[in-house]
Amino acid sequence: GWLVAQAQLAKVGINTSHLKRTFFAHGHRNVADAVAARLAHAGSI
């Protein structure tokens, strides 16, 4: 829910400044809820 995303984004040449926004949902289930509700375009889970 964080480390993998940082590593994978770096591999494709993207850092935090290239994203519109990131946020912590505080729980993987909450990540799924946020993506399902379209509060995020994607989620690392």
All heavy atoms as atom14 arrays in JSON, in Angstrom:
{
  "sequence": "GWLVAQAQLAKVGINTSHLKRTFFAHGHRNVADAVAARLAHAGSI",
  "atom14_mask": [
    [1, 1, 1, 1, 0, 0, 0, 0, 0, 0, 0, 0, 0, 0],
    [1, 1, 1, 1, 1, 1, 1, 1, 1, 1, 1, 1, 1, 1],
    [1, 1, 1, 1, 1, 1, 1, 1, 0, 0, 0, 0, 0, 0],
    [1, 1, 1, 1, 1, 1, 1, 0, 0, 0, 0, 0, 0, 0],
    [1, 1, 1, 1, 1, 0, 0, 0, 0, 0, 0, 0, 0, 0],
    [1, 1, 1, 1, 1, 1, 1, 1, 1, 0, 0, 0, 0, 0],
    [1, 1, 1, 1, 1, 0, 0, 0, 0, 0, 0, 0, 0, 0],
    [1, 1, 1, 1, 1, 1, 1, 1, 1, 0, 0, 0, 0, 0],
    [1, 1, 1, 1, 1, 1, 1, 1, 0, 0, 0, 0, 0, 0],
    [1, 1, 1, 1, 1, 0, 0, 0, 0, 0, 0, 0, 0, 0],
    [1, 1, 1, 1, 1, 1, 1, 1, 1, 0, 0, 0, 0, 0],
    [1, 1, 1, 1, 1, 1, 1, 0, 0, 0, 0, 0, 0, 0],
    [1, 1, 1, 1, 0, 0, 0, 0, 0, 0, 0, 0, 0, 0],
    [1, 1, 1, 1, 1, 1, 1, 1, 0, 0, 0, 0, 0, 0],
    [1, 1, 1, 1, 1, 1, 1, 1, 0, 0, 0, 0, 0, 0],
    [1, 1, 1, 1, 1, 1, 1, 0, 0, 0, 0, 0, 0, 0],
    [1, 1, 1, 1, 1, 1, 0, 0, 0, 0, 0, 0, 0, 0],
    [1, 1, 1, 1, 1, 1, 1, 1, 1, 1, 0, 0, 0, 0],
    [1, 1, 1, 1, 1, 1, 1, 1, 0, 0, 0, 0, 0, 0],
    [1, 1, 1, 1, 1, 1, 1, 1, 1, 0, 0, 0, 0, 0],
    [1, 1, 1, 1, 1, 1, 1, 1, 1, 1, 1, 0, 0, 0],
    [1, 1, 1, 1, 1, 1, 1, 0, 0, 0, 0, 0, 0, 0],
    [1, 1, 1, 1, 1, 1, 1, 1, 1, 1, 1, 0, 0, 0],
    [1, 1, 1, 1, 1, 1, 1, 1, 1, 1, 1, 0, 0, 0],
    [1, 1, 1, 1, 1, 0, 0, 0, 0, 0, 0, 0, 0, 0],
    [1, 1, 1, 1, 1, 1, 1, 1, 1, 1, 0, 0, 0, 0],
    [1, 1, 1, 1, 0, 0, 0, 0, 0, 0, 0, 0, 0, 0],
    [1, 1, 1, 1, 1, 1, 1, 1, 1, 1, 0, 0, 0, 0],
    [1, 1, 1, 1, 1, 1, 1, 1, 1, 1, 1, 0, 0, 0],
    [1, 1, 1, 1, 1, 1, 1, 1, 0, 0, 0, 0, 0, 0],
    [1, 1, 1, 1, 1, 1, 1, 0, 0, 0, 0, 0, 0, 0],
    [1, 1, 1, 1, 1, 0, 0, 0, 0, 0, 0, 0, 0, 0],
    [1, 1, 1, 1, 1, 1, 1, 1, 0, 0, 0, 0, 0, 0],
    [1, 1, 1, 1, 1, 0, 0, 0, 0, 0, 0, 0, 0, 0],
    [1, 1, 1, 1, 1, 1, 1, 0, 0, 0, 0, 0, 0, 0],
    [1, 1, 1, 1, 1, 0, 0, 0, 0, 0, 0, 0, 0, 0],
    [1, 1, 1, 1, 1, 0, 0, 0, 0, 0, 0, 0, 0, 0],
    [1, 1, 1, 1, 1, 1, 1, 1, 1, 1, 1, 0, 0, 0],
    [1, 1, 1, 1, 1, 1, 1, 1, 0, 0, 0, 0, 0, 0],
    [1, 1, 1, 1, 1, 0, 0, 0, 0, 0, 0, 0, 0, 0],
    [1, 1, 1, 1, 1, 1, 1, 1, 1, 1, 0, 0, 0, 0],
    [1, 1, 1, 1, 1, 0, 0, 0, 0, 0, 0, 0, 0, 0],
    [1, 1, 1, 1, 0, 0, 0, 0, 0, 0, 0, 0, 0, 0],
    [1, 1, 1, 1, 1, 1, 0, 0, 0, 0, 0, 0, 0, 0],
    [1, 1, 1, 1, 1, 1, 1, 1, 0, 0, 0, 0, 0, 0]
  ],
  "atom14_positions": [
    [[0.78, -1.23, 0.0], [0.0, 0.0, 0.0], [0.81, 1.28, 0.0], [0.26, 2.37, 0.13], [0.0, 0.0, 0.0], [0.0, 0.0, 0.0], [0.0, 0.0, 0.0], [0.0, 0.0, 0.0], [0.0, 0.0, 0.0], [0.0, 0.0, 0.0], [0.0, 0.0, 0.0], [0.0, 0.0, 0.0], [0.0, 0.0, 0.0], [0.0, 0.0, 0.0]],
    [[2.14, 1.17, -0.16], [2.98, 2.36, -0.33], [4.29, 2.04, -1.03], [4.58, 2.56, -2.1], [3.31, 3.04, 1.01], [4.13, 4.29, 0.81], [3.67, 5.52, 0.41], [5.56, 4.43, 0.94], [4.71, 6.41, 0.29], [5.89, 5.78, 0.6], [6.58, 3.56, 1.28], [7.2, 6.26, 0.62], [7.89, 4.03, 1.3], [8.19, 5.36, 0.99]],
    [[5.07, 1.12, -0.45], [6.42, 0.85, -0.96], [6.39, 0.36, -2.4], [7.16, 0.85, -3.26], [7.11, -0.18, -0.07], [8.59, -0.42, -0.34], [9.41, 0.83, -0.01], [9.1, -1.61, 0.47], [0.0, 0.0, 0.0], [0.0, 0.0, 0.0], [0.0, 0.0, 0.0], [0.0, 0.0, 0.0], [0.0, 0.0, 0.0], [0.0, 0.0, 0.0]],
    [[5.53, -0.59, -2.71], [5.43, -1.11, -4.07], [5.09, 0.01, -5.05], [5.67, 0.1, -6.14], [4.38, -2.24, -4.15], [4.05, -2.57, -5.59], [4.87, -3.49, -3.42], [0.0, 0.0, 0.0], [0.0, 0.0, 0.0], [0.0, 0.0, 0.0], [0.0, 0.0, 0.0], [0.0, 0.0, 0.0], [0.0, 0.0, 0.0], [0.0, 0.0, 0.0]],
    [[4.15, 0.86, -4.66], [3.75, 1.96, -5.54], [4.92, 2.89, -5.84], [5.12, 3.31, -6.99], [2.6, 2.74, -4.91], [0.0, 0.0, 0.0], [0.0, 0.0, 0.0], [0.0, 0.0, 0.0], [0.0, 0.0, 0.0], [0.0, 0.0, 0.0], [0.0, 0.0, 0.0], [0.0, 0.0, 0.0], [0.0, 0.0, 0.0], [0.0, 0.0, 0.0]],
    [[5.72, 3.21, -4.83], [6.86, 4.09, -5.04], [7.86, 3.46, -6.01], [8.39, 4.14, -6.91], [7.56, 4.41, -3.71], [6.66, 4.95, -2.63], [5.78, 6.09, -3.11], [6.26, 7.1, -3.62], [4.47, 5.93, -2.96], [0.0, 0.0, 0.0], [0.0, 0.0, 0.0], [0.0, 0.0, 0.0], [0.0, 0.0, 0.0], [0.0, 0.0, 0.0]],
    [[8.13, 2.18, -5.84], [9.09, 1.49, -6.69], [8.58, 1.39, -8.13], [9.34, 1.62, -9.09], [9.38, 0.1, -6.13], [0.0, 0.0, 0.0], [0.0, 0.0, 0.0], [0.0, 0.0, 0.0], [0.0, 0.0, 0.0], [0.0, 0.0, 0.0], [0.0, 0.0, 0.0], [0.0, 0.0, 0.0], [0.0, 0.0, 0.0], [0.0, 0.0, 0.0]],
    [[7.31, 1.06, -8.29], [6.76, 0.88, -9.64], [6.62, 2.21, -10.37], [6.86, 2.28, -11.58], [5.42, 0.15, -9.56], [5.52, -1.28, -9.09], [6.46, -2.13, -9.95], [6.42, -2.05, -11.18], [7.28, -2.93, -9.31], [0.0, 0.0, 0.0], [0.0, 0.0, 0.0], [0.0, 0.0, 0.0], [0.0, 0.0, 0.0], [0.0, 0.0, 0.0]],
    [[6.21, 3.24, -9.67], [6.1, 4.55, -10.31], [7.48, 5.03, -10.77], [7.62, 5.6, -11.87], [5.48, 5.56, -9.34], [3.98, 5.39, -9.08], [3.55, 6.29, -7.93], [3.16, 5.69, -10.33], [0.0, 0.0, 0.0], [0.0, 0.0, 0.0], [0.0, 0.0, 0.0], [0.0, 0.0, 0.0], [0.0, 0.0, 0.0], [0.0, 0.0, 0.0]],
    [[8.5, 4.8, -9.97], [9.86, 5.2, -10.35], [10.3, 4.46, -11.61], [11.0, 5.05, -12.46], [10.82, 4.94, -9.2], [0.0, 0.0, 0.0], [0.0, 0.0, 0.0], [0.0, 0.0, 0.0], [0.0, 0.0, 0.0], [0.0, 0.0, 0.0], [0.0, 0.0, 0.0], [0.0, 0.0, 0.0], [0.0, 0.0, 0.0], [0.0, 0.0, 0.0]],
    [[9.91, 3.22, -11.73], [10.31, 2.44, -12.91], [9.75, 3.02, -14.2], [10.36, 2.87, -15.27], [9.85, 0.99, -12.75], [10.69, 0.17, -11.79], [10.23, -1.28, -11.75], [11.09, -2.11, -10.82], [10.64, -3.53, -10.77], [0.0, 0.0, 0.0], [0.0, 0.0, 0.0], [0.0, 0.0, 0.0], [0.0, 0.0, 0.0], [0.0, 0.0, 0.0]],
    [[8.59, 3.66, -14.11], [7.98, 4.22, -15.33], [8.2, 5.73, -15.41], [7.57, 6.41, -16.22], [6.47, 3.88, -15.41], [6.26, 2.38, -15.5], [5.71, 4.46, -14.21], [0.0, 0.0, 0.0], [0.0, 0.0, 0.0], [0.0, 0.0, 0.0], [0.0, 0.0, 0.0], [0.0, 0.0, 0.0], [0.0, 0.0, 0.0], [0.0, 0.0, 0.0]],
    [[9.1, 6.24, -14.57], [9.48, 7.65, -14.66], [8.47, 8.62, -14.08], [8.43, 9.79, -14.49], [0.0, 0.0, 0.0], [0.0, 0.0, 0.0], [0.0, 0.0, 0.0], [0.0, 0.0, 0.0], [0.0, 0.0, 0.0], [0.0, 0.0, 0.0], [0.0, 0.0, 0.0], [0.0, 0.0, 0.0], [0.0, 0.0, 0.0], [0.0, 0.0, 0.0]],
    [[7.67, 8.16, -13.12], [6.67, 9.02, -12.5], [7.01, 9.21, -11.02], [7.33, 8.23, -10.33], [5.26, 8.42, -12.63], [4.84, 8.37, -14.1], [4.24, 9.24, -11.83], [3.48, 7.7, -14.32], [0.0, 0.0, 0.0], [0.0, 0.0, 0.0], [0.0, 0.0, 0.0], [0.0, 0.0, 0.0], [0.0, 0.0, 0.0], [0.0, 0.0, 0.0]],
    [[6.96, 10.44, -10.54], [7.09, 10.68, -9.11], [5.82, 11.37, -8.62], [4.9, 11.63, -9.39], [8.35, 11.49, -8.78], [8.37, 12.85, -9.46], [7.35, 13.55, -9.49], [9.52, 13.22, -10.01], [0.0, 0.0, 0.0], [0.0, 0.0, 0.0], [0.0, 0.0, 0.0], [0.0, 0.0, 0.0], [0.0, 0.0, 0.0], [0.0, 0.0, 0.0]],
    [[5.79, 11.66, -7.33], [4.58, 12.21, -6.72], [4.12, 13.5, -7.4], [2.91, 13.74, -7.54], [4.82, 12.47, -5.22], [5.23, 11.26, -4.59], [3.55, 12.96, -4.55], [0.0, 0.0, 0.0], [0.0, 0.0, 0.0], [0.0, 0.0, 0.0], [0.0, 0.0, 0.0], [0.0, 0.0, 0.0], [0.0, 0.0, 0.0], [0.0, 0.0, 0.0]],
    [[5.06, 14.3, -7.85], [4.69, 15.57, -8.47], [3.96, 15.38, -9.8], [3.27, 16.29, -10.28], [5.93, 16.44, -8.68], [6.79, 15.85, -9.65], [0.0, 0.0, 0.0], [0.0, 0.0, 0.0], [0.0, 0.0, 0.0], [0.0, 0.0, 0.0], [0.0, 0.0, 0.0], [0.0, 0.0, 0.0], [0.0, 0.0, 0.0], [0.0, 0.0, 0.0]],
    [[4.12, 14.19, -10.4], [3.46, 13.92, -11.68], [2.02, 13.43, -11.49], [1.26, 13.36, -12.46], [4.23, 12.85, -12.46], [5.61, 13.28, -12.84], [6.71, 12.45, -12.74], [6.08, 14.47, -13.33], [7.78, 13.09, -13.14], [7.43, 14.31, -13.5], [0.0, 0.0, 0.0], [0.0, 0.0, 0.0], [0.0, 0.0, 0.0], [0.0, 0.0, 0.0]],
    [[1.68, 13.09, -10.26], [0.32, 12.62, -9.98], [-0.58, 13.81, -9.65], [-0.11, 14.82, -9.11], [0.32, 11.64, -8.81], [1.14, 10.36, -8.99], [1.16, 9.58, -7.7], [0.58, 9.51, -10.13], [0.0, 0.0, 0.0], [0.0, 0.0, 0.0], [0.0, 0.0, 0.0], [0.0, 0.0, 0.0], [0.0, 0.0, 0.0], [0.0, 0.0, 0.0]],
    [[-1.83, 13.68, -9.93], [-2.77, 14.72, -9.55], [-2.89, 14.78, -8.03], [-2.88, 15.86, -7.43], [-4.14, 14.46, -10.17], [-5.17, 15.54, -9.86], [-6.48, 15.27, -10.59], [-7.49, 16.39, -10.31], [-8.77, 16.13, -11.04], [0.0, 0.0, 0.0], [0.0, 0.0, 0.0], [0.0, 0.0, 0.0], [0.0, 0.0, 0.0], [0.0, 0.0, 0.0]],
    [[-2.96, 13.59, -7.42], [-3.06, 13.53, -5.96], [-2.86, 12.09, -5.5], [-3.17, 11.15, -6.23], [-4.43, 14.03, -5.49], [-4.58, 14.14, -3.97], [-5.81, 14.95, -3.61], [-7.04, 14.27, -3.94], [-7.74, 13.52, -3.05], [-7.31, 13.37, -1.8], [-8.88, 12.95, -3.41], [0.0, 0.0, 0.0], [0.0, 0.0, 0.0], [0.0, 0.0, 0.0]],
    [[-2.33, 11.93, -4.31], [-2.34, 10.63, -3.63], [-2.92, 10.85, -2.25], [-2.85, 11.95, -1.69], [-0.93, 10.03, -3.49], [-0.12, 10.89, -2.66], [-0.25, 9.85, -4.84], [0.0, 0.0, 0.0], [0.0, 0.0, 0.0], [0.0, 0.0, 0.0], [0.0, 0.0, 0.0], [0.0, 0.0, 0.0], [0.0, 0.0, 0.0], [0.0, 0.0, 0.0]],
    [[-3.49, 9.81, -1.69], [-3.98, 9.9, -0.31], [-3.94, 8.52, 0.33], [-4.0, 7.5, -0.35], [-5.4, 10.47, -0.25], [-6.46, 9.63, -0.92], [-7.15, 8.65, -0.21], [-6.77, 9.82, -2.26], [-8.13, 7.87, -0.82], [-7.75, 9.06, -2.88], [-8.43, 8.08, -2.16], [0.0, 0.0, 0.0], [0.0, 0.0, 0.0], [0.0, 0.0, 0.0]],
    [[-3.8, 8.53, 1.65], [-3.81, 7.29, 2.42], [-5.22, 7.01, 2.91], [-5.85, 7.85, 3.56], [-2.85, 7.38, 3.61], [-1.4, 7.37, 3.22], [-0.63, 8.51, 3.34], [-0.83, 6.21, 2.73], [0.71, 8.5, 2.97], [0.52, 6.19, 2.36], [1.28, 7.34, 2.48], [0.0, 0.0, 0.0], [0.0, 0.0, 0.0], [0.0, 0.0, 0.0]],
    [[-5.7, 5.82, 2.59], [-7.05, 5.42, 3.0], [-7.04, 4.73, 4.35], [-8.09, 4.47, 4.93], [-7.66, 4.49, 1.95], [0.0, 0.0, 0.0], [0.0, 0.0, 0.0], [0.0, 0.0, 0.0], [0.0, 0.0, 0.0], [0.0, 0.0, 0.0], [0.0, 0.0, 0.0], [0.0, 0.0, 0.0], [0.0, 0.0, 0.0], [0.0, 0.0, 0.0]],
    [[-5.84, 4.41, 4.87], [-5.68, 3.77, 6.19], [-6.41, 2.44, 6.25], [-7.34, 2.24, 7.04], [-6.12, 4.71, 7.31], [-5.34, 5.99, 7.33], [-4.01, 6.04, 7.67], [-5.7, 7.26, 7.02], [-3.58, 7.29, 7.58], [-4.58, 8.04, 7.18], [0.0, 0.0, 0.0], [0.0, 0.0, 0.0], [0.0, 0.0, 0.0], [0.0, 0.0, 0.0]],
    [[-5.95, 1.52, 5.43], [-6.49, 0.17, 5.39], [-6.73, -0.26, 3.96], [-7.2, 0.53, 3.13], [0.0, 0.0, 0.0], [0.0, 0.0, 0.0], [0.0, 0.0, 0.0], [0.0, 0.0, 0.0], [0.0, 0.0, 0.0], [0.0, 0.0, 0.0], [0.0, 0.0, 0.0], [0.0, 0.0, 0.0], [0.0, 0.0, 0.0], [0.0, 0.0, 0.0]],
    [[-6.37, -1.5, 3.65], [-6.53, -1.98, 2.27], [-7.99, -2.06, 1.86], [-8.34, -1.79, 0.7], [-5.84, -3.34, 2.12], [-4.35, -3.25, 2.22], [-3.58, -2.71, 1.22], [-3.5, -3.63, 3.2], [-2.3, -2.76, 1.59], [-2.23, -3.31, 2.78], [0.0, 0.0, 0.0], [0.0, 0.0, 0.0], [0.0, 0.0, 0.0], [0.0, 0.0, 0.0]],
    [[-8.83, -2.45, 2.78], [-10.26, -2.47, 2.46], [-10.73, -1.06, 2.09], [-11.55, -0.88, 1.17], [-11.06, -3.02, 3.63], [-12.56, -3.06, 3.38], [-13.31, -3.7, 4.52], [-14.75, -3.61, 4.32], [-15.66, -4.11, 5.16], [-15.26, -4.74, 6.24], [-16.94, -3.98, 4.91], [0.0, 0.0, 0.0], [0.0, 0.0, 0.0], [0.0, 0.0, 0.0]],
    [[-10.21, -0.06, 2.78], [-10.58, 1.32, 2.48], [-10.07, 1.76, 1.11], [-10.68, 2.6, 0.45], [-10.06, 2.25, 3.56], [-10.72, 2.01, 4.9], [-11.81, 1.46, 4.98], [-10.06, 2.42, 5.97], [0.0, 0.0, 0.0], [0.0, 0.0, 0.0], [0.0, 0.0, 0.0], [0.0, 0.0, 0.0], [0.0, 0.0, 0.0], [0.0, 0.0, 0.0]],
    [[-8.91, 1.22, 0.7], [-8.41, 1.5, -0.64], [-9.41, 1.01, -1.68], [-9.77, 1.72, -2.63], [-7.03, 0.85, -0.87], [-6.63, 0.92, -2.34], [-5.97, 1.53, -0.01], [0.0, 0.0, 0.0], [0.0, 0.0, 0.0], [0.0, 0.0, 0.0], [0.0, 0.0, 0.0], [0.0, 0.0, 0.0], [0.0, 0.0, 0.0], [0.0, 0.0, 0.0]],
    [[-9.87, -0.23, -1.51], [-10.85, -0.79, -2.45], [-12.13, 0.03, -2.44], [-12.72, 0.3, -3.5], [-11.14, -2.24, -2.09], [0.0, 0.0, 0.0], [0.0, 0.0, 0.0], [0.0, 0.0, 0.0], [0.0, 0.0, 0.0], [0.0, 0.0, 0.0], [0.0, 0.0, 0.0], [0.0, 0.0, 0.0], [0.0, 0.0, 0.0], [0.0, 0.0, 0.0]],
    [[-12.57, 0.45, -1.26], [-13.78, 1.27, -1.16], [-13.6, 2.59, -1.9], [-14.52, 3.06, -2.6], [-14.12, 1.55, 0.3], [-14.66, 0.33, 1.04], [-15.15, -0.61, 0.37], [-14.59, 0.31, 2.28], [0.0, 0.0, 0.0], [0.0, 0.0, 0.0], [0.0, 0.0, 0.0], [0.0, 0.0, 0.0], [0.0, 0.0, 0.0], [0.0, 0.0, 0.0]],
    [[-12.43, 3.21, -1.75], [-12.17, 4.51, -2.39], [-12.15, 4.39, -3.91], [-12.69, 5.25, -4.62], [-10.84, 5.08, -1.88], [0.0, 0.0, 0.0], [0.0, 0.0, 0.0], [0.0, 0.0, 0.0], [0.0, 0.0, 0.0], [0.0, 0.0, 0.0], [0.0, 0.0, 0.0], [0.0, 0.0, 0.0], [0.0, 0.0, 0.0], [0.0, 0.0, 0.0]],
    [[-11.53, 3.33, -4.4], [-11.47, 3.13, -5.85], [-12.86, 2.81, -6.4], [-13.27, 3.32, -7.44], [-10.46, 2.03, -6.21], [-10.48, 1.75, -7.71], [-9.05, 2.44, -5.78], [0.0, 0.0, 0.0], [0.0, 0.0, 0.0], [0.0, 0.0, 0.0], [0.0, 0.0, 0.0], [0.0, 0.0, 0.0], [0.0, 0.0, 0.0], [0.0, 0.0, 0.0]],
    [[-13.59, 1.96, -5.68], [-14.95, 1.62, -6.12], [-15.85, 2.85, -6.18], [-16.7, 2.97, -7.06], [-15.55, 0.57, -5.18], [0.0, 0.0, 0.0], [0.0, 0.0, 0.0], [0.0, 0.0, 0.0], [0.0, 0.0, 0.0], [0.0, 0.0, 0.0], [0.0, 0.0, 0.0], [0.0, 0.0, 0.0], [0.0, 0.0, 0.0], [0.0, 0.0, 0.0]],
    [[-15.63, 3.77, -5.23], [-16.43, 5.01, -5.18], [-15.9, 6.07, -6.13], [-16.44, 7.17, -6.18], [-16.46, 5.55, -3.76], [0.0, 0.0, 0.0], [0.0, 0.0, 0.0], [0.0, 0.0, 0.0], [0.0, 0.0, 0.0], [0.0, 0.0, 0.0], [0.0, 0.0, 0.0], [0.0, 0.0, 0.0], [0.0, 0.0, 0.0], [0.0, 0.0, 0.0]],
    [[-14.83, 5.73, -6.88], [-14.22, 6.64, -7.85], [-13.63, 7.9, -7.2], [-13.59, 8.97, -7.81], [-15.19, 6.98, -8.97], [-15.44, 5.79, -9.91], [-16.55, 6.05, -10.9], [-16.56, 5.08, -11.99], [-16.89, 3.79, -11.9], [-17.22, 3.28, -10.72], [-16.87, 3.0, -12.96], [0.0, 0.0, 0.0], [0.0, 0.0, 0.0], [0.0, 0.0, 0.0]],
    [[-13.21, 7.75, -5.96], [-12.46, 8.81, -5.31], [-11.01, 8.8, -5.78], [-10.26, 9.75, -5.55], [-12.51, 8.65, -3.79], [-13.91, 8.73, -3.16], [-13.82, 8.45, -1.67], [-14.55, 10.08, -3.42], [0.0, 0.0, 0.0], [0.0, 0.0, 0.0], [0.0, 0.0, 0.0], [0.0, 0.0, 0.0], [0.0, 0.0, 0.0], [0.0, 0.0, 0.0]],
    [[-10.63, 7.7, -6.41], [-9.29, 7.55, -6.97], [-9.4, 6.81, -8.29], [-10.3, 5.99, -8.49], [-8.38, 6.78, -6.01], [0.0, 0.0, 0.0], [0.0, 0.0, 0.0], [0.0, 0.0, 0.0], [0.0, 0.0, 0.0], [0.0, 0.0, 0.0], [0.0, 0.0, 0.0], [0.0, 0.0, 0.0], [0.0, 0.0, 0.0], [0.0, 0.0, 0.0]],
    [[-8.49, 7.13, -9.21], [-8.47, 6.43, -10.49], [-7.93, 5.01, -10.34], [-8.22, 4.13, -11.17], [-7.6, 7.19, -11.5], [-8.15, 8.53, -11.86], [-7.67, 9.71, -11.33], [-9.16, 8.88, -12.69], [-8.33, 10.73, -11.83], [-9.25, 10.26, -12.66], [0.0, 0.0, 0.0], [0.0, 0.0, 0.0], [0.0, 0.0, 0.0], [0.0, 0.0, 0.0]],
    [[-7.11, 4.8, -9.3], [-6.51, 3.48, -9.06], [-6.09, 3.38, -7.6], [-6.03, 4.38, -6.89], [-5.31, 3.27, -9.98], [0.0, 0.0, 0.0], [0.0, 0.0, 0.0], [0.0, 0.0, 0.0], [0.0, 0.0, 0.0], [0.0, 0.0, 0.0], [0.0, 0.0, 0.0], [0.0, 0.0, 0.0], [0.0, 0.0, 0.0], [0.0, 0.0, 0.0]],
    [[-5.78, 2.17, -7.17], [-5.35, 1.95, -5.8], [-4.3, 0.86, -5.73], [-4.36, -0.13, -6.47], [0.0, 0.0, 0.0], [0.0, 0.0, 0.0], [0.0, 0.0, 0.0], [0.0, 0.0, 0.0], [0.0, 0.0, 0.0], [0.0, 0.0, 0.0], [0.0, 0.0, 0.0], [0.0, 0.0, 0.0], [0.0, 0.0, 0.0], [0.0, 0.0, 0.0]],
    [[-3.33, 1.05, -4.86], [-2.3, 0.04, -4.61], [-2.72, -0.73, -3.36], [-2.85, -0.16, -2.28], [-0.94, 0.71, -4.39], [0.09, -0.24, -4.34], [0.0, 0.0, 0.0], [0.0, 0.0, 0.0], [0.0, 0.0, 0.0], [0.0, 0.0, 0.0], [0.0, 0.0, 0.0], [0.0, 0.0, 0.0], [0.0, 0.0, 0.0], [0.0, 0.0, 0.0]],
    [[-2.93, -2.05, -3.52], [-3.61, -2.81, -2.48], [-2.98, -4.19, -2.29], [-2.36, -4.74, -3.2], [-5.12, -2.96, -2.85], [-5.94, -3.53, -1.7], [-5.29, -3.79, -4.12], [-7.45, -3.51, -1.97], [0.0, 0.0, 0.0], [0.0, 0.0, 0.0], [0.0, 0.0, 0.0], [0.0, 0.0, 0.0], [0.0, 0.0, 0.0], [0.0, 0.0, 0.0]]
  ]
}
